[in-house]
Amino acid sequence: MFFKVFCILAVAVAVVASHGHSSQYIHRHDGHHQPVHHGHHHDYYTHPKYEFEYKVEDSHTGDHKSQHEHRDGDVVKGHYSLHEPDGSVRDVHYHADHHSGFHADVKHSVHHIVPHHHHHY
């Protein structure tokens, strides 16, 4: 999963590199393997823990977005923000865990553009 996320981020960064600014941060924690017993079968489990962040600001195309997410075991928390084509900004804060499932709080901020009227006399 980490590799897939990394590849997607790498492609996104490559696309905007010629038009604007992008940044990314990935931290992966490889914990100790813990044995899990399934009858006579032994398996190993590593406590999943990671954190990543990326940001794109492309004034040429108007592409502005960012995301930050971290996971510690079964708990995932994150936030992403993006500028919609209509000028509004979508902010999403989300979390997921084994007990409550996935929940997201979505907010839209509208930035009104006030037209300037020129009077001709």
N, C-alpha and C. Protein backbone atom coordinates (compact mmCIF):
# COMPACT_ATOMS: atom_id res chain seq x y z
N MET A 1 0.82 -1.19 0.00
CA MET A 1 0.00 0.00 0.00
C MET A 1 0.86 1.25 0.00
N PHE A 2 1.92 1.25 0.83
CA PHE A 2 2.81 2.40 0.89
C PHE A 2 3.40 2.68 -0.49
N PHE A 3 3.80 1.64 -1.20
CA PHE A 3 4.41 1.81 -2.51
C PHE A 3 3.42 2.45 -3.49
N LYS A 4 2.16 2.02 -3.44
CA LYS A 4 1.14 2.60 -4.33
C LYS A 4 0.96 4.08 -4.04
N VAL A 5 0.87 4.45 -2.75
CA VAL A 5 0.70 5.85 -2.38
C VAL A 5 1.90 6.66 -2.85
N PHE A 6 3.10 6.11 -2.64
CA PHE A 6 4.31 6.80 -3.06
C PHE A 6 4.33 7.03 -4.57
N CYS A 7 3.94 6.01 -5.35
CA CYS A 7 3.93 6.14 -6.81
C CYS A 7 2.94 7.20 -7.27
N ILE A 8 1.76 7.22 -6.67
CA ILE A 8 0.75 8.21 -7.05
C ILE A 8 1.26 9.61 -6.73
N LEU A 9 1.88 9.78 -5.57
CA LEU A 9 2.42 11.08 -5.22
C LEU A 9 3.54 11.49 -6.16
N ALA A 10 4.38 10.54 -6.54
CA ALA A 10 5.49 10.85 -7.45
C ALA A 10 4.97 11.32 -8.80
N VAL A 11 3.92 10.70 -9.32
CA VAL A 11 3.34 11.11 -10.60
C VAL A 11 2.73 12.51 -10.47
N ALA A 12 2.02 12.77 -9.40
CA ALA A 12 1.41 14.09 -9.20
C ALA A 12 2.47 15.17 -9.12
N VAL A 13 3.56 14.88 -8.45
CA VAL A 13 4.64 15.85 -8.33
C VAL A 13 5.28 16.09 -9.68
N ALA A 14 5.49 15.06 -10.47
CA ALA A 14 6.12 15.20 -11.78
C ALA A 14 5.26 16.05 -12.71
N VAL A 15 3.95 15.91 -12.63
CA VAL A 15 3.06 16.65 -13.52
C VAL A 15 3.10 18.14 -13.22
N VAL A 16 3.11 18.52 -11.92
CA VAL A 16 3.07 19.95 -11.60
C VAL A 16 4.45 20.58 -11.52
N ALA A 17 5.48 19.78 -11.62
CA ALA A 17 6.83 20.33 -11.48
C ALA A 17 7.12 21.41 -12.52
N SER A 18 6.53 21.30 -13.69
CA SER A 18 6.81 22.28 -14.74
C SER A 18 5.92 23.51 -14.65
N HIS A 19 4.89 23.52 -13.82
CA HIS A 19 3.94 24.63 -13.79
C HIS A 19 3.90 25.37 -12.47
N GLY A 20 4.23 24.75 -11.36
CA GLY A 20 4.03 25.40 -10.08
C GLY A 20 4.91 24.80 -9.02
N HIS A 21 4.43 24.82 -7.82
CA HIS A 21 5.17 24.36 -6.66
C HIS A 21 4.49 23.14 -6.06
N SER A 22 5.28 22.17 -5.69
CA SER A 22 4.73 21.02 -4.98
C SER A 22 5.74 20.59 -3.94
N SER A 23 5.24 19.95 -2.90
CA SER A 23 6.12 19.40 -1.87
C SER A 23 5.47 18.14 -1.34
N GLN A 24 6.30 17.27 -0.81
CA GLN A 24 5.79 16.03 -0.24
C GLN A 24 6.68 15.58 0.90
N TYR A 25 6.09 14.82 1.81
CA TYR A 25 6.79 14.30 2.97
C TYR A 25 6.21 12.93 3.27
N ILE A 26 7.05 11.93 3.41
CA ILE A 26 6.59 10.59 3.74
C ILE A 26 7.48 10.03 4.83
N HIS A 27 6.87 9.53 5.88
CA HIS A 27 7.62 8.87 6.95
C HIS A 27 6.96 7.53 7.23
N ARG A 28 7.73 6.50 7.13
CA ARG A 28 7.22 5.15 7.38
C ARG A 28 7.96 4.57 8.56
N HIS A 29 7.22 3.98 9.47
CA HIS A 29 7.82 3.36 10.65
C HIS A 29 7.66 1.85 10.52
N ASP A 30 8.78 1.16 10.44
CA ASP A 30 8.74 -0.30 10.39
C ASP A 30 8.96 -0.83 11.80
N GLY A 31 7.90 -1.31 12.40
CA GLY A 31 7.99 -1.83 13.77
C GLY A 31 8.52 -3.24 13.78
N HIS A 32 8.56 -3.80 14.97
CA HIS A 32 9.02 -5.17 15.14
C HIS A 32 7.90 -6.14 14.78
N HIS A 33 8.26 -7.24 14.14
CA HIS A 33 7.27 -8.25 13.78
C HIS A 33 6.79 -8.97 15.03
N GLN A 34 5.48 -9.07 15.15
CA GLN A 34 4.87 -9.76 16.28
C GLN A 34 4.26 -11.07 15.78
N PRO A 35 4.54 -12.18 16.45
CA PRO A 35 3.95 -13.45 15.99
C PRO A 35 2.45 -13.50 16.27
N VAL A 36 1.70 -14.02 15.32
CA VAL A 36 0.26 -14.24 15.46
C VAL A 36 0.03 -15.71 15.21
N HIS A 37 -0.65 -16.38 16.14
CA HIS A 37 -0.85 -17.83 16.04
C HIS A 37 -2.27 -18.14 15.57
N HIS A 38 -2.37 -18.94 14.52
CA HIS A 38 -3.66 -19.39 13.97
C HIS A 38 -3.64 -20.91 14.04
N GLY A 39 -3.89 -21.46 15.21
CA GLY A 39 -3.81 -22.92 15.35
C GLY A 39 -2.37 -23.38 15.19
N HIS A 40 -2.10 -24.20 14.19
CA HIS A 40 -0.74 -24.68 13.94
C HIS A 40 0.04 -23.74 13.03
N HIS A 41 -0.65 -22.78 12.44
CA HIS A 41 -0.01 -21.86 11.50
C HIS A 41 0.48 -20.61 12.25
N HIS A 42 1.69 -20.17 11.97
CA HIS A 42 2.23 -18.95 12.56
C HIS A 42 2.36 -17.90 11.48
N ASP A 43 1.92 -16.70 11.79
CA ASP A 43 2.04 -15.58 10.88
C ASP A 43 2.71 -14.45 11.65
N TYR A 44 3.13 -13.43 10.95
CA TYR A 44 3.77 -12.31 11.61
C TYR A 44 3.04 -11.03 11.25
N TYR A 45 2.90 -10.18 12.24
CA TYR A 45 2.15 -8.94 12.10
C TYR A 45 3.07 -7.78 12.51
N THR A 46 3.12 -6.76 11.68
CA THR A 46 3.87 -5.54 12.02
C THR A 46 2.86 -4.43 12.24
N HIS A 47 3.01 -3.75 13.35
CA HIS A 47 2.12 -2.63 13.69
C HIS A 47 2.23 -1.56 12.60
N PRO A 48 1.14 -1.30 11.87
CA PRO A 48 1.21 -0.31 10.78
C PRO A 48 1.30 1.11 11.34
N LYS A 49 2.29 1.85 10.86
CA LYS A 49 2.45 3.23 11.30
C LYS A 49 3.13 4.01 10.18
N TYR A 50 2.48 5.10 9.74
CA TYR A 50 3.06 5.96 8.71
C TYR A 50 2.48 7.36 8.82
N GLU A 51 3.11 8.27 8.12
CA GLU A 51 2.63 9.64 8.02
C GLU A 51 3.08 10.17 6.66
N PHE A 52 2.18 10.86 5.96
CA PHE A 52 2.58 11.49 4.70
C PHE A 52 1.85 12.81 4.54
N GLU A 53 2.44 13.63 3.69
CA GLU A 53 1.88 14.94 3.43
C GLU A 53 2.32 15.37 2.03
N TYR A 54 1.44 16.05 1.33
CA TYR A 54 1.83 16.64 0.05
C TYR A 54 1.04 17.92 -0.18
N LYS A 55 1.60 18.75 -1.05
CA LYS A 55 0.96 20.03 -1.35
C LYS A 55 1.29 20.40 -2.79
N VAL A 56 0.29 20.91 -3.51
CA VAL A 56 0.46 21.36 -4.89
C VAL A 56 -0.11 22.77 -4.98
N GLU A 57 0.67 23.68 -5.54
CA GLU A 57 0.20 25.04 -5.80
C GLU A 57 0.63 25.42 -7.21
N ASP A 58 -0.31 25.35 -8.12
CA ASP A 58 -0.01 25.61 -9.53
C ASP A 58 -0.84 26.80 -10.00
N SER A 59 -0.23 27.96 -10.04
CA SER A 59 -0.97 29.17 -10.42
C SER A 59 -1.32 29.18 -11.91
N HIS A 60 -0.57 28.44 -12.71
CA HIS A 60 -0.84 28.39 -14.15
C HIS A 60 -2.17 27.68 -14.44
N THR A 61 -2.40 26.54 -13.79
CA THR A 61 -3.62 25.77 -14.03
C THR A 61 -4.69 26.01 -12.98
N GLY A 62 -4.32 26.65 -11.87
CA GLY A 62 -5.28 26.86 -10.78
C GLY A 62 -5.42 25.64 -9.88
N ASP A 63 -4.53 24.68 -10.02
CA ASP A 63 -4.58 23.45 -9.21
C ASP A 63 -3.92 23.72 -7.86
N HIS A 64 -4.75 23.73 -6.81
CA HIS A 64 -4.27 23.95 -5.45
C HIS A 64 -4.90 22.86 -4.58
N LYS A 65 -4.03 22.06 -3.95
CA LYS A 65 -4.54 21.00 -3.09
C LYS A 65 -3.45 20.59 -2.11
N SER A 66 -3.88 19.97 -1.02
CA SER A 66 -2.95 19.45 -0.04
C SER A 66 -3.61 18.32 0.73
N GLN A 67 -2.78 17.45 1.28
CA GLN A 67 -3.28 16.36 2.10
C GLN A 67 -2.24 16.00 3.15
N HIS A 68 -2.73 15.65 4.32
CA HIS A 68 -1.89 15.15 5.39
C HIS A 68 -2.63 13.97 6.03
N GLU A 69 -1.93 12.87 6.22
CA GLU A 69 -2.55 11.69 6.83
C GLU A 69 -1.53 10.97 7.69
N HIS A 70 -2.00 10.42 8.80
CA HIS A 70 -1.13 9.56 9.61
C HIS A 70 -1.93 8.38 10.13
N ARG A 71 -1.23 7.29 10.29
CA ARG A 71 -1.84 6.05 10.78
C ARG A 71 -0.97 5.50 11.89
N ASP A 72 -1.64 5.03 12.92
CA ASP A 72 -0.97 4.35 14.02
C ASP A 72 -1.86 3.16 14.40
N GLY A 73 -1.48 1.99 13.93
CA GLY A 73 -2.30 0.80 14.16
C GLY A 73 -3.56 0.86 13.33
N ASP A 74 -4.71 0.69 14.00
CA ASP A 74 -6.00 0.72 13.30
C ASP A 74 -6.59 2.13 13.19
N VAL A 75 -5.90 3.14 13.69
CA VAL A 75 -6.43 4.50 13.69
C VAL A 75 -5.77 5.31 12.58
N VAL A 76 -6.61 5.85 11.67
CA VAL A 76 -6.13 6.71 10.58
C VAL A 76 -6.82 8.06 10.74
N LYS A 77 -6.02 9.13 10.68
CA LYS A 77 -6.56 10.50 10.75
C LYS A 77 -5.94 11.30 9.63
N GLY A 78 -6.74 12.20 9.06
CA GLY A 78 -6.19 13.00 7.98
C GLY A 78 -7.03 14.19 7.62
N HIS A 79 -6.50 14.97 6.71
CA HIS A 79 -7.15 16.17 6.23
C HIS A 79 -6.72 16.39 4.78
N TYR A 80 -7.65 16.79 3.94
CA TYR A 80 -7.26 17.26 2.62
C TYR A 80 -8.07 18.49 2.25
N SER A 81 -7.49 19.29 1.40
CA SER A 81 -8.11 20.52 0.97
C SER A 81 -7.84 20.70 -0.51
N LEU A 82 -8.85 21.17 -1.24
CA LEU A 82 -8.63 21.44 -2.66
C LEU A 82 -9.52 22.57 -3.12
N HIS A 83 -9.01 23.30 -4.11
CA HIS A 83 -9.76 24.40 -4.71
C HIS A 83 -10.59 23.83 -5.85
N GLU A 84 -11.90 24.05 -5.76
CA GLU A 84 -12.82 23.57 -6.79
C GLU A 84 -12.81 24.54 -7.98
N PRO A 85 -13.25 24.05 -9.16
CA PRO A 85 -13.29 24.94 -10.34
C PRO A 85 -14.17 26.17 -10.17
N ASP A 86 -15.19 26.09 -9.30
CA ASP A 86 -16.08 27.24 -9.10
C ASP A 86 -15.51 28.28 -8.14
N GLY A 87 -14.30 28.06 -7.63
CA GLY A 87 -13.67 29.02 -6.73
C GLY A 87 -13.82 28.67 -5.26
N SER A 88 -14.67 27.70 -4.94
CA SER A 88 -14.83 27.31 -3.54
C SER A 88 -13.67 26.39 -3.13
N VAL A 89 -13.51 26.24 -1.84
CA VAL A 89 -12.47 25.38 -1.30
C VAL A 89 -13.15 24.28 -0.49
N ARG A 90 -12.79 23.04 -0.79
CA ARG A 90 -13.33 21.89 -0.05
C ARG A 90 -12.29 21.46 0.98
N ASP A 91 -12.69 21.45 2.25
CA ASP A 91 -11.85 20.98 3.35
C ASP A 91 -12.49 19.74 3.94
N VAL A 92 -11.72 18.68 4.04
CA VAL A 92 -12.23 17.42 4.57
C VAL A 92 -11.30 16.94 5.68
N HIS A 93 -11.85 16.77 6.86
CA HIS A 93 -11.14 16.15 7.97
C HIS A 93 -11.76 14.78 8.15
N TYR A 94 -10.92 13.74 8.21
CA TYR A 94 -11.46 12.39 8.31
C TYR A 94 -10.69 11.57 9.33
N HIS A 95 -11.36 10.54 9.81
CA HIS A 95 -10.71 9.58 10.71
C HIS A 95 -11.41 8.24 10.55
N ALA A 96 -10.67 7.21 10.83
CA ALA A 96 -11.21 5.86 10.75
C ALA A 96 -10.52 5.00 11.81
N ASP A 97 -11.29 4.11 12.38
CA ASP A 97 -10.72 3.14 13.31
C ASP A 97 -11.58 1.89 13.29
N HIS A 98 -11.11 0.86 13.96
CA HIS A 98 -11.77 -0.44 13.96
C HIS A 98 -13.16 -0.38 14.59
N HIS A 99 -13.36 0.48 15.58
CA HIS A 99 -14.63 0.51 16.31
C HIS A 99 -15.70 1.36 15.66
N SER A 100 -15.33 2.54 15.14
CA SER A 100 -16.36 3.45 14.63
C SER A 100 -16.41 3.53 13.11
N GLY A 101 -15.47 2.90 12.41
CA GLY A 101 -15.46 2.95 10.95
C GLY A 101 -14.90 4.26 10.43
N PHE A 102 -15.34 4.65 9.24
CA PHE A 102 -14.83 5.86 8.59
C PHE A 102 -15.81 7.01 8.77
N HIS A 103 -15.29 8.17 9.15
CA HIS A 103 -16.11 9.38 9.29
C HIS A 103 -15.38 10.55 8.66
N ALA A 104 -16.13 11.41 7.97
CA ALA A 104 -15.53 12.58 7.35
C ALA A 104 -16.39 13.81 7.63
N ASP A 105 -15.75 14.91 7.90
CA ASP A 105 -16.39 16.20 8.08
C ASP A 105 -16.00 17.06 6.88
N VAL A 106 -16.97 17.35 6.01
CA VAL A 106 -16.70 18.07 4.76
C VAL A 106 -17.27 19.48 4.87
N LYS A 107 -16.43 20.46 4.56
CA LYS A 107 -16.87 21.86 4.58
C LYS A 107 -16.46 22.51 3.27
N HIS A 108 -17.34 23.36 2.76
CA HIS A 108 -17.06 24.13 1.54
C HIS A 108 -17.01 25.60 1.91
N SER A 109 -15.94 26.25 1.52
CA SER A 109 -15.80 27.69 1.72
C SER A 109 -16.00 28.35 0.37
N VAL A 110 -16.87 29.31 0.33
CA VAL A 110 -17.15 30.00 -0.93
C VAL A 110 -16.45 31.35 -0.88
N HIS A 111 -15.67 31.62 -1.89
CA HIS A 111 -15.01 32.90 -2.02
C HIS A 111 -15.75 33.67 -3.11
N HIS A 112 -16.51 34.66 -2.70
CA HIS A 112 -17.30 35.44 -3.65
C HIS A 112 -16.40 36.42 -4.39
N ILE A 113 -16.59 36.49 -5.66
CA ILE A 113 -15.87 37.45 -6.50
C ILE A 113 -16.83 38.58 -6.79
N VAL A 114 -16.44 39.77 -6.37
CA VAL A 114 -17.29 40.94 -6.57
C VAL A 114 -16.84 41.63 -7.85
N PRO A 115 -17.72 41.69 -8.85
CA PRO A 115 -17.33 42.34 -10.11
C PRO A 115 -17.22 43.85 -9.92
N HIS A 116 -16.28 44.44 -10.59
CA HIS A 116 -16.13 45.89 -10.57
C HIS A 116 -16.87 46.47 -11.78
N HIS A 117 -17.77 47.39 -11.51
CA HIS A 117 -18.52 48.03 -12.59
C HIS A 117 -17.90 49.38 -12.88
N HIS A 118 -17.62 49.60 -14.11
CA HIS A 118 -17.07 50.89 -14.52
C HIS A 118 -18.21 51.72 -15.10
N HIS A 119 -18.35 52.89 -14.57
CA HIS A 119 -19.39 53.78 -15.07
C HIS A 119 -18.80 54.68 -16.15
N HIS A 120 -19.48 54.78 -17.25
CA HIS A 120 -19.05 55.64 -18.34
C HIS A 120 -19.99 56.85 -18.38
N TYR A 121 -19.44 58.00 -18.23
CA TYR A 121 -20.27 59.21 -18.23
C TYR A 121 -20.14 59.95 -19.51
